[in-house]
Amino acid sequence: MSVPTDASNLAIRAAEGLLSHSGADAGLRVWLRKRIPSGAGLGGGSADAAAVLLAGRALLAACELPGGDLSDADLMTLGATLGADVPFCVAGTGAAWMRGTGEILEPVELAAPLPVVVAVPPMSVSTPAVFGAWDELGGPQATRTLPAPAGLTGFVSELRNDLEPAAEHVAEGLAGFRRHLEEASGLPALLAGSGSGYAVFPDDVRSADRLAERLRGVLDARVFAGATARTGVRVAPYLPC
């Protein structure tokens, strides 16, 4: 899926929303280097929007312009108008329960980072198309459940993604990719967000690295190994106005 460079991009919408809300007589120039695949259900667009809101506020503050004094709560409220995942990315608290339409957050503390391997097939999936299909299918619940990884058993006993039936309905070949991933990894896979990426959960970070390397040799997919983070967007130092 190509990344839009017009006002449909969440990063641009975040910049426009911040400036409009602050009333600052200024502009923001945004350079966006994508590392999280688009159309994979990994929240890359939401993270981009959160980064623009936080960095934009810091820049406005450094230039002593209106908007530099906006609170985190202000940015989260603004982020909620952009997408359900944006407030979570703005908060940057690591793991959290999300309720409502994403604006109600209850941080939780994981005992250790949760290892994960994400496989992204060549196909991308449109989030609006998946939600549209979910409505058309009558709001189905996922019939597959996964035992919760060891790091999550204190919070939940199993995992499921109710968007999976809709995503696999929209994207031909997605269910076959999931089955291939499960066979190759020996682990059950969970759809990431609205897809098309799938996640599997090895026992530890070293196992995740080895598994990712092996999967790269057998899957037609981009495969990433990582672990959950305790913090969100980081604003790097910049030159003052």
C-alpha atoms as a PDB file:
ATOM      1  CA  MET A   1       0.000   0.000   0.000  1.00  0.00           C
ATOM      2  CA  SER A   2       1.481   3.334  -1.039  1.00  0.00           C
ATOM      3  CA  VAL A   3       1.869   6.062   1.574  1.00  0.00           C
ATOM      4  CA  PRO A   4      -0.208   9.163   0.717  1.00  0.00           C
ATOM      5  CA  THR A   5       1.594  12.487   0.699  1.00  0.00           C
ATOM      6  CA  ASP A   6      -1.526  14.652   0.763  1.00  0.00           C
ATOM      7  CA  ALA A   7      -3.946  15.632   3.532  1.00  0.00           C
ATOM      8  CA  SER A   8      -5.200  12.046   3.842  1.00  0.00           C
ATOM      9  CA  ASN A   9      -1.948  11.121   5.607  1.00  0.00           C
ATOM     10  CA  LEU A  10      -2.440  11.040   9.378  1.00  0.00           C
ATOM     11  CA  ALA A  11       0.815  12.908   9.952  1.00  0.00           C
ATOM     12  CA  ILE A  12      -0.409  15.810   7.830  1.00  0.00           C
ATOM     13  CA  ARG A  13      -3.815  15.749   9.490  1.00  0.00           C
ATOM     14  CA  ALA A  14      -2.117  15.838  12.901  1.00  0.00           C
ATOM     15  CA  ALA A  15      -0.045  18.878  11.922  1.00  0.00           C
ATOM     16  CA  GLU A  16      -3.100  20.679  10.560  1.00  0.00           C
ATOM     17  CA  GLY A  17      -5.146  19.795  13.643  1.00  0.00           C
ATOM     18  CA  LEU A  18      -2.452  20.970  16.041  1.00  0.00           C
ATOM     19  CA  LEU A  19      -1.994  24.318  14.320  1.00  0.00           C
ATOM     20  CA  SER A  20      -5.735  24.870  13.996  1.00  0.00           C
ATOM     21  CA  HIS A  21      -6.331  24.008  17.667  1.00  0.00           C
ATOM     22  CA  SER A  22      -3.455  26.154  18.911  1.00  0.00           C
ATOM     23  CA  GLY A  23      -4.221  29.154  16.741  1.00  0.00           C
ATOM     24  CA  ALA A  24      -0.513  29.592  16.059  1.00  0.00           C
ATOM     25  CA  ASP A  25       0.328  31.677  13.015  1.00  0.00           C
ATOM     26  CA  ALA A  26       2.901  29.157  11.850  1.00  0.00           C
ATOM     27  CA  GLY A  27       3.447  26.079   9.732  1.00  0.00           C
ATOM     28  CA  LEU A  28       5.087  22.716  10.277  1.00  0.00           C
ATOM     29  CA  ARG A  29       7.296  20.936   7.784  1.00  0.00           C
ATOM     30  CA  VAL A  30       7.156  17.180   8.232  1.00  0.00           C
ATOM     31  CA  TRP A  31       9.672  14.621   6.988  1.00  0.00           C
ATOM     32  CA  LEU A  32       8.253  11.107   7.292  1.00  0.00           C
ATOM     33  CA  ARG A  33      10.497   8.052   7.068  1.00  0.00           C
ATOM     34  CA  LYS A  34       8.310   4.965   7.197  1.00  0.00           C
ATOM     35  CA  ARG A  35       9.698   1.897   8.929  1.00  0.00           C
ATOM     36  CA  ILE A  36       6.425   0.302  10.027  1.00  0.00           C
ATOM     37  CA  PRO A  37       4.762  -1.278   6.958  1.00  0.00           C
ATOM     38  CA  SER A  38       1.568   0.398   5.772  1.00  0.00           C
ATOM     39  CA  GLY A  39      -1.680  -1.566   5.600  1.00  0.00           C
ATOM     40  CA  ALA A  40      -0.366  -4.181   8.036  1.00  0.00           C
ATOM     41  CA  GLY A  41      -2.437  -3.384  11.134  1.00  0.00           C
ATOM     42  CA  LEU A  42       0.601  -2.281  13.129  1.00  0.00           C
ATOM     43  CA  GLY A  43      -0.483   1.262  13.985  1.00  0.00           C
ATOM     44  CA  GLY A  44       2.222   2.997  11.983  1.00  0.00           C
ATOM     45  CA  GLY A  45      -0.016   5.853  10.870  1.00  0.00           C
ATOM     46  CA  SER A  46      -1.240   6.414  14.419  1.00  0.00           C
ATOM     47  CA  ALA A  47       2.341   6.495  15.714  1.00  0.00           C
ATOM     48  CA  ASP A  48       3.241   9.022  13.001  1.00  0.00           C
ATOM     49  CA  ALA A  49       0.338  11.247  14.041  1.00  0.00           C
ATOM     50  CA  ALA A  50       1.304  11.037  17.713  1.00  0.00           C
ATOM     51  CA  ALA A  51       4.909  11.910  16.878  1.00  0.00           C
ATOM     52  CA  VAL A  52       3.781  15.001  14.956  1.00  0.00           C
ATOM     53  CA  LEU A  53       1.547  16.132  17.837  1.00  0.00           C
ATOM     54  CA  LEU A  54       4.277  15.734  20.452  1.00  0.00           C
ATOM     55  CA  ALA A  55       7.136  17.120  18.376  1.00  0.00           C
ATOM     56  CA  GLY A  56       4.928  19.920  17.064  1.00  0.00           C
ATOM     57  CA  ARG A  57       4.011  20.980  20.599  1.00  0.00           C
ATOM     58  CA  ALA A  58       7.683  20.960  21.592  1.00  0.00           C
ATOM     59  CA  LEU A  59       8.569  23.118  18.589  1.00  0.00           C
ATOM     60  CA  LEU A  60       5.764  25.574  19.311  1.00  0.00           C
ATOM     61  CA  ALA A  61       6.962  25.826  22.914  1.00  0.00           C
ATOM     62  CA  ALA A  62      10.565  26.424  21.839  1.00  0.00           C
ATOM     63  CA  CYS A  63       9.399  29.194  19.514  1.00  0.00           C
ATOM     64  CA  GLU A  64       7.149  30.650  22.251  1.00  0.00           C
ATOM     65  CA  LEU A  65       4.088  30.256  20.044  1.00  0.00           C
ATOM     66  CA  PRO A  66       0.509  29.402  21.053  1.00  0.00           C
ATOM     67  CA  GLY A  67       0.051  25.674  21.483  1.00  0.00           C
ATOM     68  CA  GLY A  68       3.355  25.089  23.210  1.00  0.00           C
ATOM     69  CA  ASP A  69       1.539  24.860  26.525  1.00  0.00           C
ATOM     70  CA  LEU A  70      -0.975  22.205  25.453  1.00  0.00           C
ATOM     71  CA  SER A  71      -1.188  19.355  27.960  1.00  0.00           C
ATOM     72  CA  ASP A  72      -0.856  15.658  27.185  1.00  0.00           C
ATOM     73  CA  ALA A  73      -4.618  15.395  27.776  1.00  0.00           C
ATOM     74  CA  ASP A  74      -5.178  18.101  25.153  1.00  0.00           C
ATOM     75  CA  LEU A  75      -3.066  16.182  22.647  1.00  0.00           C
ATOM     76  CA  MET A  76      -4.849  12.925  23.431  1.00  0.00           C
ATOM     77  CA  THR A  77      -8.223  14.587  22.855  1.00  0.00           C
ATOM     78  CA  LEU A  78      -6.950  15.989  19.574  1.00  0.00           C
ATOM     79  CA  GLY A  79      -5.491  12.596  18.673  1.00  0.00           C
ATOM     80  CA  ALA A  80      -8.838  10.898  19.229  1.00  0.00           C
ATOM     81  CA  THR A  81     -10.259  12.939  16.349  1.00  0.00           C
ATOM     82  CA  LEU A  82      -7.610  11.407  14.071  1.00  0.00           C
ATOM     83  CA  GLY A  83      -7.882   7.733  14.972  1.00  0.00           C
ATOM     84  CA  ALA A  84      -8.673   5.318  17.777  1.00  0.00           C
ATOM     85  CA  ASP A  85      -5.034   4.330  18.316  1.00  0.00           C
ATOM     86  CA  VAL A  86      -3.587   7.844  18.377  1.00  0.00           C
ATOM     87  CA  PRO A  87      -4.324   8.634  22.070  1.00  0.00           C
ATOM     88  CA  PHE A  88      -2.514   5.436  23.091  1.00  0.00           C
ATOM     89  CA  CYS A  89       0.508   6.430  21.024  1.00  0.00           C
ATOM     90  CA  VAL A  90       0.467   9.949  22.478  1.00  0.00           C
ATOM     91  CA  ALA A  91       0.293   8.614  26.047  1.00  0.00           C
ATOM     92  CA  GLY A  92       3.309   6.374  25.440  1.00  0.00           C
ATOM     93  CA  THR A  93       2.724   4.339  28.580  1.00  0.00           C
ATOM     94  CA  GLY A  94       3.578   0.969  27.097  1.00  0.00           C
ATOM     95  CA  ALA A  95       0.881  -1.652  27.695  1.00  0.00           C
ATOM     96  CA  ALA A  96      -2.641  -0.451  28.475  1.00  0.00           C
ATOM     97  CA  TRP A  97      -6.264  -1.468  28.403  1.00  0.00           C
ATOM     98  CA  MET A  98      -8.072   0.623  25.774  1.00  0.00           C
ATOM     99  CA  ARG A  99     -11.790   1.251  26.047  1.00  0.00           C
ATOM    100  CA  GLY A 100     -14.388   3.465  24.444  1.00  0.00           C
ATOM    101  CA  THR A 101     -13.098   4.425  21.024  1.00  0.00           C
ATOM    102  CA  GLY A 102      -9.509   4.373  22.239  1.00  0.00           C
ATOM    103  CA  GLU A 103      -9.697   7.485  24.386  1.00  0.00           C
ATOM    104  CA  ILE A 104     -10.056   5.657  27.746  1.00  0.00           C
ATOM    105  CA  LEU A 105      -6.667   4.241  28.734  1.00  0.00           C
ATOM    106  CA  GLU A 106      -5.710   2.228  31.800  1.00  0.00           C
ATOM    107  CA  PRO A 107      -1.935   1.584  31.852  1.00  0.00           C
ATOM    108  CA  VAL A 108      -0.779  -1.848  33.002  1.00  0.00           C
ATOM    109  CA  GLU A 109       2.743  -2.901  33.941  1.00  0.00           C
ATOM    110  CA  LEU A 110       4.193  -5.953  32.225  1.00  0.00           C
ATOM    111  CA  ALA A 111       6.768  -7.836  34.274  1.00  0.00           C
ATOM    112  CA  ALA A 112       9.080  -8.048  31.261  1.00  0.00           C
ATOM    113  CA  PRO A 113       9.039  -7.112  27.575  1.00  0.00           C
ATOM    114  CA  LEU A 114       6.852  -9.438  25.527  1.00  0.00           C
ATOM    115  CA  PRO A 115       8.749 -11.034  22.612  1.00  0.00           C
ATOM    116  CA  VAL A 116       6.936 -11.061  19.283  1.00  0.00           C
ATOM    117  CA  VAL A 117       7.567 -11.957  15.661  1.00  0.00           C
ATOM    118  CA  VAL A 118       5.440 -10.181  13.064  1.00  0.00           C
ATOM    119  CA  ALA A 119       5.055 -11.454   9.506  1.00  0.00           C
ATOM    120  CA  VAL A 120       3.605  -9.103   6.900  1.00  0.00           C
ATOM    121  CA  PRO A 121       2.464 -10.689   3.618  1.00  0.00           C
ATOM    122  CA  PRO A 122       2.789  -8.941   0.239  1.00  0.00           C
ATOM    123  CA  MET A 123      -0.887  -7.978   0.359  1.00  0.00           C
ATOM    124  CA  SER A 124      -2.047  -4.947   2.323  1.00  0.00           C
ATOM    125  CA  VAL A 125      -5.488  -4.482   3.842  1.00  0.00           C
ATOM    126  CA  SER A 126      -7.564  -1.318   4.013  1.00  0.00           C
ATOM    127  CA  THR A 127      -8.789  -0.657   7.548  1.00  0.00           C
ATOM    128  CA  PRO A 128     -12.073   0.968   6.366  1.00  0.00           C
ATOM    129  CA  ALA A 129     -12.706  -2.037   4.106  1.00  0.00           C
ATOM    130  CA  VAL A 130     -12.236  -4.446   7.004  1.00  0.00           C
ATOM    131  CA  PHE A 131     -14.585  -2.521   9.306  1.00  0.00           C
ATOM    132  CA  GLY A 132     -17.097  -2.262   6.457  1.00  0.00           C
ATOM    133  CA  ALA A 133     -16.956  -6.028   5.944  1.00  0.00           C
ATOM    134  CA  TRP A 134     -17.280  -6.602   9.699  1.00  0.00           C
ATOM    135  CA  ASP A 135     -20.537  -4.617   9.642  1.00  0.00           C
ATOM    136  CA  GLU A 136     -21.794  -6.431   6.526  1.00  0.00           C
ATOM    137  CA  LEU A 137     -21.036  -9.814   8.095  1.00  0.00           C
ATOM    138  CA  GLY A 138     -23.101  -8.900  11.151  1.00  0.00           C
ATOM    139  CA  GLY A 139     -20.275  -8.121  13.560  1.00  0.00           C
ATOM    140  CA  PRO A 140     -18.801 -11.630  13.828  1.00  0.00           C
ATOM    141  CA  GLN A 141     -16.644 -12.732  16.725  1.00  0.00           C
ATOM    142  CA  ALA A 142     -13.430 -14.598  16.052  1.00  0.00           C
ATOM    143  CA  THR A 143     -13.830 -18.349  16.353  1.00  0.00           C
ATOM    144  CA  ARG A 144     -10.085 -18.851  16.931  1.00  0.00           C
ATOM    145  CA  THR A 145      -8.502 -18.116  20.287  1.00  0.00           C
ATOM    146  CA  LEU A 146      -4.857 -18.319  21.312  1.00  0.00           C
ATOM    147  CA  PRO A 147      -3.510 -19.108  24.769  1.00  0.00           C
ATOM    148  CA  ALA A 148      -2.114 -15.886  26.208  1.00  0.00           C
ATOM    149  CA  PRO A 149       1.699 -15.661  26.170  1.00  0.00           C
ATOM    150  CA  ALA A 150       3.341 -16.121  29.555  1.00  0.00           C
ATOM    151  CA  GLY A 151       3.873 -12.375  29.956  1.00  0.00           C
ATOM    152  CA  LEU A 152       0.132 -11.700  29.701  1.00  0.00           C
ATOM    153  CA  THR A 153      -1.366 -14.476  31.787  1.00  0.00           C
ATOM    154  CA  GLY A 154      -1.737 -12.128  34.746  1.00  0.00           C
ATOM    155  CA  PHE A 155      -4.178 -10.061  32.681  1.00  0.00           C
ATOM    156  CA  VAL A 156      -5.912 -12.415  30.226  1.00  0.00           C
ATOM    157  CA  SER A 157      -6.116 -16.158  29.668  1.00  0.00           C
ATOM    158  CA  GLU A 158      -6.508 -16.068  25.892  1.00  0.00           C
ATOM    159  CA  LEU A 159      -6.212 -13.761  22.892  1.00  0.00           C
ATOM    160  CA  ARG A 160      -8.520 -13.250  19.939  1.00  0.00           C
ATOM    161  CA  ASN A 161      -9.111 -10.631  17.265  1.00  0.00           C
ATOM    162  CA  ASP A 162     -12.733 -10.160  16.220  1.00  0.00           C
ATOM    163  CA  LEU A 163     -11.613  -8.385  13.052  1.00  0.00           C
ATOM    164  CA  GLU A 164      -9.933 -11.533  11.742  1.00  0.00           C
ATOM    165  CA  PRO A 165     -13.034 -13.012  10.015  1.00  0.00           C
ATOM    166  CA  ALA A 166     -13.658  -9.699   8.239  1.00  0.00           C
ATOM    167  CA  ALA A 167     -10.004  -9.236   7.226  1.00  0.00           C
ATOM    168  CA  GLU A 168      -9.769 -12.768   5.864  1.00  0.00           C
ATOM    169  CA  HIS A 169     -13.040 -12.166   4.013  1.00  0.00           C
ATOM    170  CA  VAL A 170     -11.722  -8.965   2.411  1.00  0.00           C
ATOM    171  CA  ALA A 171      -8.218 -10.147   1.510  1.00  0.00           C
ATOM    172  CA  GLU A 172      -8.091 -13.280  -0.608  1.00  0.00           C
ATOM    173  CA  GLY A 173      -5.152 -15.412   0.442  1.00  0.00           C
ATOM    174  CA  LEU A 174      -4.835 -13.962   3.950  1.00  0.00           C
ATOM    175  CA  ALA A 175      -6.177 -17.085   5.687  1.00  0.00           C
ATOM    176  CA  GLY A 176      -3.799 -19.246   3.660  1.00  0.00           C
ATOM    177  CA  PHE A 177      -0.890 -17.036   4.668  1.00  0.00           C
ATOM    178  CA  ARG A 178      -1.850 -17.393   8.336  1.00  0.00           C
ATOM    179  CA  ARG A 179      -1.926 -21.173   8.056  1.00  0.00           C
ATOM    180  CA  HIS A 180       1.462 -21.198   6.325  1.00  0.00           C
ATOM    181  CA  LEU A 181       2.917 -18.992   9.072  1.00  0.00           C
ATOM    182  CA  GLU A 182       1.540 -21.266  11.777  1.00  0.00           C
ATOM    183  CA  GLU A 183       2.928 -24.363  10.081  1.00  0.00           C
ATOM    184  CA  ALA A 184       6.338 -22.774   9.571  1.00  0.00           C
ATOM    185  CA  SER A 185       6.619 -21.353  13.088  1.00  0.00           C
ATOM    186  CA  GLY A 186       4.882 -24.090  15.040  1.00  0.00           C
ATOM    187  CA  LEU A 187       2.974 -21.362  16.881  1.00  0.00           C
ATOM    188  CA  PRO A 188      -0.591 -20.006  16.640  1.00  0.00           C
ATOM    189  CA  ALA A 189      -0.799 -16.631  14.901  1.00  0.00           C
ATOM    190  CA  LEU A 190      -2.893 -13.588  15.835  1.00  0.00           C
ATOM    191  CA  LEU A 191      -4.010 -10.968  13.328  1.00  0.00           C
ATOM    192  CA  ALA A 192      -2.437  -7.575  14.077  1.00  0.00           C
ATOM    193  CA  GLY A 193      -5.154  -4.924  14.229  1.00  0.00           C
ATOM    194  CA  SER A 194      -7.160  -5.030  11.011  1.00  0.00           C
ATOM    195  CA  GLY A 195      -4.344  -6.862   9.184  1.00  0.00           C
ATOM    196  CA  SER A 196      -2.599  -7.843   7.075  1.00  0.00           C
ATOM    197  CA  GLY A 197       0.229  -8.609   9.517  1.00  0.00           C
ATOM    198  CA  TYR A 198       0.161 -11.598  11.852  1.00  0.00           C
ATOM    199  CA  ALA A 199       1.995 -12.004  15.144  1.00  0.00           C
ATOM    200  CA  VAL A 200       3.366 -15.084  16.873  1.00  0.00           C
ATOM    201  CA  PHE A 201       4.781 -15.088  20.385  1.00  0.00           C
ATOM    202  CA  PRO A 202       8.018 -17.038  21.052  1.00  0.00           C
ATOM    203  CA  ASP A 203       9.209 -17.733  24.589  1.00  0.00           C
ATOM    204  CA  ASP A 204      12.012 -15.152  24.679  1.00  0.00           C
ATOM    205  CA  VAL A 205      13.781 -12.485  22.646  1.00  0.00           C
ATOM    206  CA  ARG A 206      16.572 -14.830  21.520  1.00  0.00           C
ATOM    207  CA  SER A 207      14.023 -17.347  20.277  1.00  0.00           C
ATOM    208  CA  ALA A 208      12.205 -14.541  18.464  1.00  0.00           C
ATOM    209  CA  ASP A 209      15.373 -13.541  16.607  1.00  0.00           C
ATOM    210  CA  ARG A 210      16.071 -17.135  15.548  1.00  0.00           C
ATOM    211  CA  LEU A 211      12.482 -17.724  14.480  1.00  0.00           C
ATOM    212  CA  ALA A 212      12.352 -14.551  12.434  1.00  0.00           C
ATOM    213  CA  GLU A 213      15.540 -15.507  10.613  1.00  0.00           C
ATOM    214  CA  ARG A 214      14.115 -18.933   9.806  1.00  0.00           C
ATOM    215  CA  LEU A 215      10.763 -17.564   8.641  1.00  0.00           C
ATOM    216  CA  ARG A 216      12.454 -15.131   6.261  1.00  0.00           C
ATOM    217  CA  GLY A 217      13.715 -18.151   4.362  1.00  0.00           C
ATOM    218  CA  VAL A 218      10.344 -19.876   3.965  1.00  0.00           C
ATOM    219  CA  LEU A 219       7.696 -17.145   3.809  1.00  0.00           C
ATOM    220  CA  ASP A 220       6.908 -14.645   1.086  1.00  0.00           C
ATOM    221  CA  ALA A 221       6.717 -11.922   3.684  1.00  0.00           C
ATOM    222  CA  ARG A 222       8.570  -9.234   5.574  1.00  0.00           C
ATOM    223  CA  VAL A 223       9.374 -10.657   8.988  1.00  0.00           C
ATOM    224  CA  PHE A 224      10.329  -8.640  12.055  1.00  0.00           C
ATOM    225  CA  ALA A 225      11.423  -9.705  15.530  1.00  0.00           C
ATOM    226  CA  GLY A 226      10.988  -7.419  18.493  1.00  0.00           C
ATOM    227  CA  ALA A 227       9.515  -6.925  21.922  1.00  0.00           C
ATOM    228  CA  THR A 228       7.056  -4.591  23.577  1.00  0.00           C
ATOM    229  CA  ALA A 229       8.376  -1.193  24.674  1.00  0.00           C
ATOM    230  CA  ARG A 230       7.735   0.652  27.928  1.00  0.00           C
ATOM    231  CA  THR A 231       7.750   4.098  26.339  1.00  0.00           C
ATOM    232  CA  GLY A 232       6.260   5.652  23.240  1.00  0.00           C
ATOM    233  CA  VAL A 233       7.311   8.553  21.033  1.00  0.00           C
ATOM    234  CA  ARG A 234      10.679  10.126  21.816  1.00  0.00           C
ATOM    235  CA  VAL A 235      11.269  13.760  20.804  1.00  0.00           C
ATOM    236  CA  ALA A 236      14.901  14.243  19.801  1.00  0.00           C
ATOM    237  CA  PRO A 237      16.799  17.491  20.465  1.00  0.00           C
ATOM    238  CA  TYR A 238      16.409  20.142  17.778  1.00  0.00           C
ATOM    239  CA  LEU A 239      17.669  23.642  17.027  1.00  0.00           C
ATOM    240  CA  PRO A 240      15.696  26.415  18.729  1.00  0.00           C
ATOM    241  CA  CYS A 241      13.883  29.050  16.694  1.00  0.00           C
END
